[in-house]
C-alpha atoms as a PDB file:
ATOM      1  CA  MET A   1     -25.381-127.253-139.778  1.00  0.00           C
ATOM      2  CA  SER A   2     -25.374-123.750-141.244  1.00  0.00           C
ATOM      3  CA  SER A   3     -24.964-123.102-144.954  1.00  0.00           C
ATOM      4  CA  THR A   4     -21.801-121.166-144.156  1.00  0.00           C
ATOM      5  CA  ALA A   5     -20.185-124.263-142.704  1.00  0.00           C
ATOM      6  CA  LEU A   6     -20.933-126.181-145.909  1.00  0.00           C
ATOM      7  CA  GLU A   7     -19.230-123.638-148.171  1.00  0.00           C
ATOM      8  CA  THR A   8     -15.988-124.787-149.761  1.00  0.00           C
ATOM      9  CA  PRO A   9     -13.075-122.793-148.350  1.00  0.00           C
ATOM     10  CA  VAL A  10     -11.148-120.679-150.817  1.00  0.00           C
ATOM     11  CA  ASP A  11      -7.908-122.433-151.728  1.00  0.00           C
ATOM     12  CA  GLY A  12      -5.079-119.941-152.055  1.00  0.00           C
ATOM     13  CA  ARG A  13      -3.268-122.273-154.425  1.00  0.00           C
ATOM     14  CA  VAL A  14      -6.226-122.249-156.804  1.00  0.00           C
ATOM     15  CA  ILE A  15      -6.305-118.454-156.778  1.00  0.00           C
ATOM     16  CA  ARG A  16      -2.572-118.210-157.403  1.00  0.00           C
ATOM     17  CA  ALA A  17      -2.767-120.757-160.220  1.00  0.00           C
ATOM     18  CA  ALA A  18      -5.589-118.817-161.874  1.00  0.00           C
ATOM     19  CA  ALA A  19      -3.594-115.607-161.550  1.00  0.00           C
ATOM     20  CA  ARG A  20      -0.572-117.280-163.170  1.00  0.00           C
ATOM     21  CA  ARG A  21      -2.730-118.497-166.052  1.00  0.00           C
ATOM     22  CA  GLU A  22      -4.134-115.023-166.643  1.00  0.00           C
ATOM     23  CA  HIS A  23      -0.635-113.539-166.479  1.00  0.00           C
ATOM     24  CA  ARG A  24       0.663-116.102-168.972  1.00  0.00           C
ATOM     25  CA  ARG A  25      -2.274-115.467-171.276  1.00  0.00           C
ATOM     26  CA  ALA A  26      -1.594-111.707-171.163  1.00  0.00           C
ATOM     27  CA  ASP A  27       2.080-112.337-171.938  1.00  0.00           C
ATOM     28  CA  ILE A  28       1.159-114.398-174.999  1.00  0.00           C
ATOM     29  CA  LEU A  29      -1.229-111.701-176.242  1.00  0.00           C
ATOM     30  CA  LYS A  30       1.433-109.023-175.765  1.00  0.00           C
ATOM     31  CA  ALA A  31       4.018-111.110-177.593  1.00  0.00           C
ATOM     32  CA  ALA A  32       1.555-111.700-180.441  1.00  0.00           C
ATOM     33  CA  VAL A  33       0.890-107.965-180.875  1.00  0.00           C
ATOM     34  CA  GLU A  34       4.619-107.225-180.938  1.00  0.00           C
ATOM     35  CA  THR A  35       5.285-110.021-183.436  1.00  0.00           C
ATOM     36  CA  PHE A  36       2.360-109.162-185.712  1.00  0.00           C
ATOM     37  CA  SER A  37       3.482-105.522-185.687  1.00  0.00           C
ATOM     38  CA  LEU A  38       7.098-106.401-186.507  1.00  0.00           C
ATOM     39  CA  ARG A  39       6.570-109.132-189.104  1.00  0.00           C
ATOM     40  CA  GLY A  40       3.013-108.565-190.289  1.00  0.00           C
ATOM     41  CA  TYR A  41       0.155-110.966-189.698  1.00  0.00           C
ATOM     42  CA  HIS A  42       0.711-113.120-192.770  1.00  0.00           C
ATOM     43  CA  GLN A  43       4.465-113.502-192.226  1.00  0.00           C
ATOM     44  CA  THR A  44       4.101-114.330-188.527  1.00  0.00           C
ATOM     45  CA  ARG A  45       4.235-118.009-187.576  1.00  0.00           C
ATOM     46  CA  VAL A  46       3.114-119.491-184.291  1.00  0.00           C
ATOM     47  CA  ALA A  47       6.804-120.288-183.730  1.00  0.00           C
ATOM     48  CA  ASP A  48       7.579-116.555-183.851  1.00  0.00           C
ATOM     49  CA  ILE A  49       5.021-115.858-181.139  1.00  0.00           C
ATOM     50  CA  LEU A  50       6.409-118.726-179.044  1.00  0.00           C
ATOM     51  CA  LYS A  51       9.895-117.249-179.278  1.00  0.00           C
ATOM     52  CA  ALA A  52       8.724-113.751-178.349  1.00  0.00           C
ATOM     53  CA  ALA A  53       6.702-115.061-175.404  1.00  0.00           C
ATOM     54  CA  GLY A  54       9.394-117.497-174.278  1.00  0.00           C
ATOM     55  CA  ILE A  55       7.010-120.459-174.115  1.00  0.00           C
ATOM     56  CA  ALA A  56       6.722-123.966-175.520  1.00  0.00           C
ATOM     57  CA  ARG A  57       4.316-124.869-178.313  1.00  0.00           C
ATOM     58  CA  GLY A  58       2.202-126.965-175.959  1.00  0.00           C
ATOM     59  CA  THR A  59       1.751-124.000-173.632  1.00  0.00           C
ATOM     60  CA  PHE A  60       0.520-121.840-176.500  1.00  0.00           C
ATOM     61  CA  TYR A  61      -2.151-124.353-177.460  1.00  0.00           C
ATOM     62  CA  LEU A  62      -3.410-124.481-173.883  1.00  0.00           C
ATOM     63  CA  TYR A  63      -4.633-120.926-174.456  1.00  0.00           C
ATOM     64  CA  PHE A  64      -5.199-120.512-178.195  1.00  0.00           C
ATOM     65  CA  GLU A  65      -6.011-122.960-180.953  1.00  0.00           C
ATOM     66  CA  SER A  66      -4.334-121.004-183.745  1.00  0.00           C
ATOM     67  CA  LYS A  67      -2.702-117.772-184.858  1.00  0.00           C
ATOM     68  CA  ASN A  68      -6.078-116.637-186.160  1.00  0.00           C
ATOM     69  CA  ALA A  69      -7.746-117.279-182.789  1.00  0.00           C
ATOM     70  CA  ILE A  70      -5.272-115.064-180.964  1.00  0.00           C
ATOM     71  CA  PHE A  71      -5.723-112.289-183.530  1.00  0.00           C
ATOM     72  CA  LEU A  72      -9.503-112.461-183.183  1.00  0.00           C
ATOM     73  CA  GLU A  73      -9.216-112.103-179.415  1.00  0.00           C
ATOM     74  CA  LEU A  74      -6.921-109.106-179.791  1.00  0.00           C
ATOM     75  CA  LEU A  75      -9.334-107.554-182.277  1.00  0.00           C
ATOM     76  CA  ASP A  76     -12.318-108.146-179.992  1.00  0.00           C
ATOM     77  CA  ALA A  77     -10.541-106.448-177.096  1.00  0.00           C
ATOM     78  CA  LEU A  78      -9.597-103.437-179.228  1.00  0.00           C
ATOM     79  CA  LEU A  79     -13.084-102.966-180.665  1.00  0.00           C
ATOM     80  CA  ASP A  80     -14.673-103.360-177.220  1.00  0.00           C
ATOM     81  CA  GLU A  81     -12.346-100.682-175.856  1.00  0.00           C
ATOM     82  CA  PHE A  82     -13.333 -98.325-178.661  1.00  0.00           C
ATOM     83  CA  LEU A  83     -17.047 -98.912-178.118  1.00  0.00           C
ATOM     84  CA  GLY A  84     -16.676 -98.657-174.349  1.00  0.00           C
ATOM     85  CA  GLY A  85     -15.373 -95.113-174.686  1.00  0.00           C
ATOM     86  CA  ILE A  86     -18.345 -93.890-176.720  1.00  0.00           C
ATOM     87  CA  GLU A  87     -21.145 -92.209-174.795  1.00  0.00           C
ATOM     88  CA  GLY A  88     -24.164 -90.199-175.780  1.00  0.00           C
ATOM     89  CA  VAL A  89     -24.281 -86.413-175.478  1.00  0.00           C
ATOM     90  CA  GLU A  90     -26.035 -85.011-172.417  1.00  0.00           C
ATOM     91  CA  THR A  91     -28.700 -82.417-173.136  1.00  0.00           C
ATOM     92  CA  GLY A  92     -29.996 -81.539-169.656  1.00  0.00           C
ATOM     93  CA  PRO A  93     -29.957 -78.018-168.186  1.00  0.00           C
ATOM     94  CA  ASN A  94     -26.711 -78.677-166.275  1.00  0.00           C
ATOM     95  CA  ALA A  95     -24.967 -80.538-169.096  1.00  0.00           C
ATOM     96  CA  PRO A  96     -21.573 -79.288-170.320  1.00  0.00           C
ATOM     97  CA  PRO A  97     -21.466 -77.498-173.707  1.00  0.00           C
ATOM     98  CA  VAL A  98     -22.128 -79.900-176.567  1.00  0.00           C
ATOM     99  CA  PHE A  99     -18.845 -79.022-178.294  1.00  0.00           C
ATOM    100  CA  ASP A 100     -16.897 -79.878-175.128  1.00  0.00           C
ATOM    101  CA  GLN A 101     -18.699 -83.202-174.831  1.00  0.00           C
ATOM    102  CA  LEU A 102     -18.028 -84.079-178.456  1.00  0.00           C
ATOM    103  CA  LEU A 103     -14.393 -83.075-178.076  1.00  0.00           C
ATOM    104  CA  ASP A 104     -14.133 -85.415-175.118  1.00  0.00           C
ATOM    105  CA  ARG A 105     -15.640 -88.296-177.154  1.00  0.00           C
ATOM    106  CA  VAL A 106     -13.258 -87.760-180.079  1.00  0.00           C
ATOM    107  CA  THR A 107     -10.293 -87.487-177.702  1.00  0.00           C
ATOM    108  CA  VAL A 108     -11.179 -90.813-176.075  1.00  0.00           C
ATOM    109  CA  ILE A 109     -11.298 -92.509-179.486  1.00  0.00           C
ATOM    110  CA  LEU A 110      -7.903 -91.099-180.470  1.00  0.00           C
ATOM    111  CA  GLU A 111      -6.357 -91.964-177.105  1.00  0.00           C
ATOM    112  CA  THR A 112      -7.608 -95.540-177.447  1.00  0.00           C
ATOM    113  CA  ALA A 113      -6.014 -95.800-180.888  1.00  0.00           C
ATOM    114  CA  ALA A 114      -2.755 -94.224-179.691  1.00  0.00           C
ATOM    115  CA  SER A 115      -2.491 -96.515-176.645  1.00  0.00           C
ATOM    116  CA  ASN A 116      -3.064 -99.538-178.901  1.00  0.00           C
ATOM    117  CA  ALA A 117      -0.986 -98.217-181.788  1.00  0.00           C
ATOM    118  CA  ALA A 118       0.717-101.492-182.711  1.00  0.00           C
ATOM    119  CA  LEU A 119      -2.555-103.413-182.972  1.00  0.00           C
ATOM    120  CA  ALA A 120      -4.330-100.516-184.693  1.00  0.00           C
ATOM    121  CA  ARG A 121      -1.618-100.484-187.366  1.00  0.00           C
ATOM    122  CA  ILE A 122      -2.152-104.195-187.975  1.00  0.00           C
ATOM    123  CA  VAL A 123      -5.889-103.600-188.408  1.00  0.00           C
ATOM    124  CA  PHE A 124      -5.269-100.790-190.898  1.00  0.00           C
ATOM    125  CA  ARG A 125      -2.673-102.732-192.871  1.00  0.00           C
ATOM    126  CA  GLU A 126      -3.929-106.291-192.948  1.00  0.00           C
ATOM    127  CA  ALA A 127      -7.242-106.943-191.192  1.00  0.00           C
ATOM    128  CA  VAL A 128      -9.624-106.261-194.079  1.00  0.00           C
ATOM    129  CA  GLY A 129      -9.967-109.399-196.160  1.00  0.00           C
ATOM    130  CA  LEU A 130      -8.030-111.490-193.645  1.00  0.00           C
ATOM    131  CA  ASP A 131     -10.915-113.924-193.237  1.00  0.00           C
ATOM    132  CA  ALA A 132     -14.709-113.949-192.955  1.00  0.00           C
ATOM    133  CA  ASP A 133     -14.763-113.671-189.153  1.00  0.00           C
ATOM    134  CA  VAL A 134     -12.492-110.633-189.102  1.00  0.00           C
ATOM    135  CA  ASP A 135     -14.410-108.966-191.929  1.00  0.00           C
ATOM    136  CA  GLN A 136     -17.692-109.498-190.084  1.00  0.00           C
ATOM    137  CA  LYS A 137     -16.341-108.076-186.825  1.00  0.00           C
ATOM    138  CA  LEU A 138     -15.024-104.979-188.579  1.00  0.00           C
ATOM    139  CA  SER A 139     -18.254-104.556-190.533  1.00  0.00           C
ATOM    140  CA  ASP A 140     -20.365-104.820-187.371  1.00  0.00           C
ATOM    141  CA  PHE A 141     -18.073-102.343-185.603  1.00  0.00           C
ATOM    142  CA  ASP A 142     -18.334 -99.917-188.501  1.00  0.00           C
ATOM    143  CA  ASP A 143     -22.133-100.204-188.503  1.00  0.00           C
ATOM    144  CA  ARG A 144     -22.308 -99.482-184.767  1.00  0.00           C
ATOM    145  CA  LEU A 145     -20.103 -96.423-185.092  1.00  0.00           C
ATOM    146  CA  HIS A 146     -22.119 -95.179-188.056  1.00  0.00           C
ATOM    147  CA  GLU A 147     -25.356 -95.685-186.135  1.00  0.00           C
ATOM    148  CA  TYR A 148     -23.961 -93.768-183.144  1.00  0.00           C
ATOM    149  CA  VAL A 149     -22.783 -90.816-185.242  1.00  0.00           C
ATOM    150  CA  GLN A 150     -26.000 -90.715-187.274  1.00  0.00           C
ATOM    151  CA  GLU A 151     -28.092 -90.745-184.101  1.00  0.00           C
ATOM    152  CA  ALA A 152     -26.011 -87.905-182.676  1.00  0.00           C
ATOM    153  CA  LEU A 153     -26.555 -85.893-185.860  1.00  0.00           C
ATOM    154  CA  ASN A 154     -30.301 -86.527-185.784  1.00  0.00           C
ATOM    155  CA  ASN A 155     -30.427 -85.390-182.173  1.00  0.00           C
ATOM    156  CA  GLY A 156     -28.483 -82.260-183.076  1.00  0.00           C
ATOM    157  CA  ILE A 157     -31.009 -81.424-185.788  1.00  0.00           C
ATOM    158  CA  ALA A 158     -33.927 -82.008-183.432  1.00  0.00           C
ATOM    159  CA  MET A 159     -32.326 -79.687-180.860  1.00  0.00           C
ATOM    160  CA  GLY A 160     -31.867 -76.967-183.456  1.00  0.00           C
ATOM    161  CA  LEU A 161     -28.076 -77.104-183.235  1.00  0.00           C
ATOM    162  CA  LEU A 162     -27.488 -78.499-186.717  1.00  0.00           C
ATOM    163  CA  ARG A 163     -28.852 -77.780-190.182  1.00  0.00           C
ATOM    164  CA  GLU A 164     -31.010 -80.225-192.092  1.00  0.00           C
ATOM    165  CA  MET A 165     -28.841 -82.848-193.824  1.00  0.00           C
ATOM    166  CA  ASP A 166     -28.627 -86.435-194.971  1.00  0.00           C
ATOM    167  CA  THR A 167     -27.311 -87.780-191.685  1.00  0.00           C
ATOM    168  CA  SER A 168     -26.270 -91.117-193.167  1.00  0.00           C
ATOM    169  CA  ILE A 169     -23.969 -89.468-195.724  1.00  0.00           C
ATOM    170  CA  ILE A 170     -22.556 -87.006-193.194  1.00  0.00           C
ATOM    171  CA  ALA A 171     -21.935 -89.787-190.650  1.00  0.00           C
ATOM    172  CA  THR A 172     -19.946 -91.619-193.324  1.00  0.00           C
ATOM    173  CA  CYS A 173     -17.929 -88.453-194.032  1.00  0.00           C
ATOM    174  CA  ILE A 174     -17.160 -87.926-190.339  1.00  0.00           C
ATOM    175  CA  LEU A 175     -16.019 -91.504-189.790  1.00  0.00           C
ATOM    176  CA  GLY A 176     -13.981 -91.362-192.989  1.00  0.00           C
ATOM    177  CA  SER A 177     -12.121 -88.272-191.813  1.00  0.00           C
ATOM    178  CA  VAL A 178     -11.310 -89.869-188.460  1.00  0.00           C
ATOM    179  CA  ARG A 179     -10.050 -93.058-190.120  1.00  0.00           C
ATOM    180  CA  GLN A 180      -7.847 -91.188-192.563  1.00  0.00           C
ATOM    181  CA  VAL A 181      -6.275 -89.083-189.823  1.00  0.00           C
ATOM    182  CA  LEU A 182      -5.598 -92.189-187.733  1.00  0.00           C
ATOM    183  CA  TYR A 183      -4.152 -93.972-190.751  1.00  0.00           C
ATOM    184  CA  ARG A 184      -1.674 -91.179-191.447  1.00  0.00           C
ATOM    185  CA  GLU A 185      -0.715 -90.704-187.795  1.00  0.00           C
ATOM    186  CA  LEU A 186      -0.396 -94.386-186.890  1.00  0.00           C
ATOM    187  CA  VAL A 187       0.708 -96.016-190.149  1.00  0.00           C
ATOM    188  CA  ARG A 188       2.279 -93.398-192.404  1.00  0.00           C
ATOM    189  CA  HIS A 189       3.986 -91.670-189.465  1.00  0.00           C
ATOM    190  CA  GLU A 190       4.752 -94.820-187.487  1.00  0.00           C
ATOM    191  CA  GLY A 191       6.949 -94.200-184.469  1.00  0.00           C
ATOM    192  CA  VAL A 192       6.105 -90.498-184.264  1.00  0.00           C
ATOM    193  CA  ALA A 193       3.812 -89.513-181.406  1.00  0.00           C
ATOM    194  CA  PHE A 194       0.958 -87.199-182.307  1.00  0.00           C
ATOM    195  CA  ASP A 195      -0.761 -84.515-180.276  1.00  0.00           C
ATOM    196  CA  VAL A 196      -4.073 -86.187-179.420  1.00  0.00           C
ATOM    197  CA  GLY A 197      -5.633 -82.988-178.097  1.00  0.00           C
ATOM    198  CA  LEU A 198      -4.774 -80.965-181.190  1.00  0.00           C
ATOM    199  CA  VAL A 199      -5.863 -83.689-183.604  1.00  0.00           C
ATOM    200  CA  ALA A 200      -9.168 -84.174-181.761  1.00  0.00           C
ATOM    201  CA  LYS A 201      -9.891 -80.450-181.835  1.00  0.00           C
ATOM    202  CA  GLU A 202      -9.112 -80.110-185.548  1.00  0.00           C
ATOM    203  CA  ILE A 203     -11.230 -83.146-186.454  1.00  0.00           C
ATOM    204  CA  LEU A 204     -14.174 -81.720-184.531  1.00  0.00           C
ATOM    205  CA  GLN A 205     -13.698 -78.204-185.924  1.00  0.00           C
ATOM    206  CA  TYR A 206     -13.524 -79.566-189.462  1.00  0.00           C
ATOM    207  CA  ASN A 207     -16.635 -81.679-189.074  1.00  0.00           C
ATOM    208  CA  SER A 208     -18.698 -79.082-187.217  1.00  0.00           C
ATOM    209  CA  VAL A 209     -17.608 -75.792-188.805  1.00  0.00           C
ATOM    210  CA  GLY A 210     -15.691 -76.704-191.948  1.00  0.00           C
ATOM    211  CA  LEU A 211     -12.991 -74.689-193.671  1.00  0.00           C
ATOM    212  CA  MET A 212     -14.611 -71.474-194.827  1.00  0.00           C
ATOM    213  CA  ARG A 213     -15.080 -68.369-192.725  1.00  0.00           C
ATOM    214  CA  THR A 214     -18.717 -68.380-193.752  1.00  0.00           C
ATOM    215  CA  ARG A 215     -20.786 -71.500-193.170  1.00  0.00           C
ATOM    216  CA  THR A 216     -23.078 -70.882-196.155  1.00  0.00           C
ATOM    217  CA  LEU A 217     -22.160 -71.962-199.677  1.00  0.00           C
ATOM    218  CA  ALA A 218     -22.907 -69.490-202.463  1.00  0.00           C
END
């Protein structure tokens, strides 16, 4: 008998059941984001998420063991999306201009934040100090971003595009400027859409050229 004949046939009911589970899980995650955003993490109860998702308590615990567990999953997904949009700069003979590549990278980061605005606001407002797991995830994420920016700066110096500098300090300054802009646009100006293209361009101009007409300090 051939190996093909021994294979278990795909059961359509199993596939449909799995699809329903994934759909239900996504609904719970969406309801959690909406509830956290409306009430704040600390004021949100599991009962609030149940009401928003339209499910029973037992159904919730089939997917998540606690309010904290669902927040950690949401945070993981957001941080993975941010990191997934970060790529190195191409330096080959046919590569696009470096400024255009950097502008594209910054734009992707801002678009990710804008498309996940509700969750990003929760992270800005409440995530730090929430618990040890959340703090560690955010710290690791920050370290990876800092490492990426510092490496990009070191490469720019090696290519002769950038001046000599303390790349660790400058990487911190760059990330700080991006965070502060996102904080104002997403938290302070909640509900008001911002021009991602304009903001990305100004962030890059500020961090690459600065404010003065001359680039040399007296």
